[in-house]
Protein backbone atom coordinates (compact mmCIF):
# COMPACT_ATOMS: atom_id res chain seq x y z
CA UNK A 1 218.21 166.03 185.36
CA UNK A 2 220.02 168.57 187.68
CA UNK A 3 222.59 166.82 189.88
CA UNK A 4 221.94 163.30 188.09
CA UNK A 5 224.27 161.33 185.90
CA UNK A 6 223.32 161.28 182.06
CA UNK A 7 224.87 159.47 179.08
CA UNK A 8 225.16 161.35 175.98
CA UNK A 9 225.46 159.65 172.60
CA UNK A 10 226.28 161.48 169.51
CA UNK A 11 226.98 160.67 165.99
CA UNK A 12 227.27 162.77 162.95
CA UNK A 13 223.61 163.32 162.77
CA UNK A 14 221.88 162.94 166.10
CA UNK A 15 222.56 163.44 169.84
CA UNK A 16 220.68 161.53 172.45
CA UNK A 17 220.57 161.87 176.10
CA UNK A 18 219.81 159.28 178.56
CA UNK A 19 219.18 159.11 182.47
CA UNK A 20 218.96 156.00 184.36
CA UNK A 21 218.24 154.14 180.78
CA UNK A 22 215.34 156.48 179.92
CA UNK A 23 215.86 158.61 176.58
CA UNK A 24 215.34 162.34 177.93
CA UNK A 25 216.49 164.20 174.80
CA UNK A 26 216.98 163.40 171.24
CA UNK A 27 217.52 165.73 168.51
CA UNK A 28 219.72 166.54 165.23
CA UNK A 29 223.14 167.54 165.74
CA UNK A 30 224.09 171.05 165.22
CA UNK A 31 227.63 171.76 164.08
CA UNK A 32 227.53 175.63 164.58
CA UNK A 33 230.28 177.06 166.66
CA UNK A 34 229.54 178.99 169.75
CA UNK A 35 225.79 178.60 169.55
CA UNK A 36 223.19 177.37 172.04
CA UNK A 37 220.15 175.96 170.71
CA UNK A 38 217.38 175.55 173.29
CA UNK A 39 213.77 174.12 173.16
CA UNK A 40 211.22 177.00 173.95
CA UNK A 41 209.53 174.64 176.41
CA UNK A 42 212.77 174.17 178.38
CA UNK A 43 213.29 177.91 178.55
CA UNK A 44 209.84 178.73 180.02
CA UNK A 45 210.17 175.85 182.42
CA UNK A 46 213.71 177.26 183.56
CA UNK A 47 212.15 180.61 183.85
CA UNK A 48 209.41 179.43 186.09
CA UNK A 49 211.82 177.33 188.33
CA UNK A 50 214.18 180.47 188.75
CA UNK A 51 211.11 182.63 189.66
CA UNK A 52 210.06 180.01 192.42
CA UNK A 53 213.83 179.67 193.59
CA UNK A 54 214.16 183.31 193.89
CA UNK A 55 210.98 183.63 195.91
CA UNK A 56 212.37 180.90 198.39
CA UNK A 57 215.81 182.65 198.47
CA UNK A 58 214.77 186.18 198.74
CA UNK A 59 214.89 187.55 202.47
CA UNK A 60 211.70 188.69 203.96
CA UNK A 61 211.39 192.68 204.27
CA UNK A 62 212.67 193.87 207.48
CA UNK A 63 210.03 194.61 210.00
CA UNK A 64 209.28 198.24 211.05
CA UNK A 65 210.26 198.73 214.95
CA UNK A 66 209.34 201.79 216.69
CA UNK A 67 212.32 203.79 218.30
CA UNK A 68 211.52 204.98 221.76
CA UNK A 69 212.81 208.11 223.48
CA UNK A 70 215.71 207.17 225.71
CA UNK A 71 214.06 209.66 228.21
CA UNK A 72 211.12 207.01 228.23
CA UNK A 73 213.76 204.18 228.88
CA UNK A 74 215.18 206.21 231.99
CA UNK A 75 211.56 206.67 233.29
CA UNK A 76 210.61 203.11 233.07
CA UNK A 77 213.84 201.99 234.81
CA UNK A 78 213.61 204.88 237.25
CA UNK A 79 216.97 206.02 236.41
CA UNK A 80 216.10 209.46 235.09
CA UNK A 81 217.81 212.49 236.39
CA UNK A 82 215.43 215.56 237.22
CA UNK A 83 218.74 217.89 237.15
CA UNK A 84 218.53 218.37 233.56
CA UNK A 85 221.44 216.36 232.44
CA UNK A 86 221.26 213.70 229.79
CA UNK A 87 219.23 210.57 230.49
CA UNK A 88 221.30 207.50 231.52
CA UNK A 89 220.07 205.25 228.80
CA UNK A 90 221.37 208.04 226.24
CA UNK A 91 224.89 208.17 227.88
CA UNK A 92 225.19 204.39 227.73
CA UNK A 93 224.04 204.47 224.06
CA UNK A 94 226.59 207.40 223.25
CA UNK A 95 229.42 205.47 225.01
CA UNK A 96 228.57 202.39 223.01
CA UNK A 97 228.07 204.24 219.80
CA UNK A 98 231.77 205.50 220.08
CA UNK A 99 233.17 202.02 220.42
CA UNK A 100 234.86 200.89 216.94
CA UNK A 101 232.71 198.44 215.43
CA UNK A 102 229.79 198.96 217.37
CA UNK A 103 226.49 199.07 215.41
CA UNK A 104 225.19 202.51 215.62
CA UNK A 105 221.40 203.22 215.92
CA UNK A 106 219.30 206.33 215.30
CA UNK A 107 218.07 208.01 218.71
CA UNK A 108 215.22 209.77 216.80
CA UNK A 109 211.84 208.87 217.81
CA UNK A 110 209.28 207.85 215.01
């Protein structure tokens, strides 16, 4: 009945709920304050619906990615420096990592 209009009729003894002209609930009226009375079958159905919804909404696990050495990047691009200074890719990464709000990434190889 989620998202649908229902009609509730109550008298001193009974509560009846109809949806599109069809009775979907009919039970004795409870006069207790601050109590919720639920049919055990409804509780189980709700639990199953929640479980299925959580499976749909839950994000998939993050994929593992390999982090390569920045020196490999320089070698592949032909930008490495044989003079012993830091590889160009590392210098670019470091300059970006120092920009506020820029996403930092680990430079450690796996």
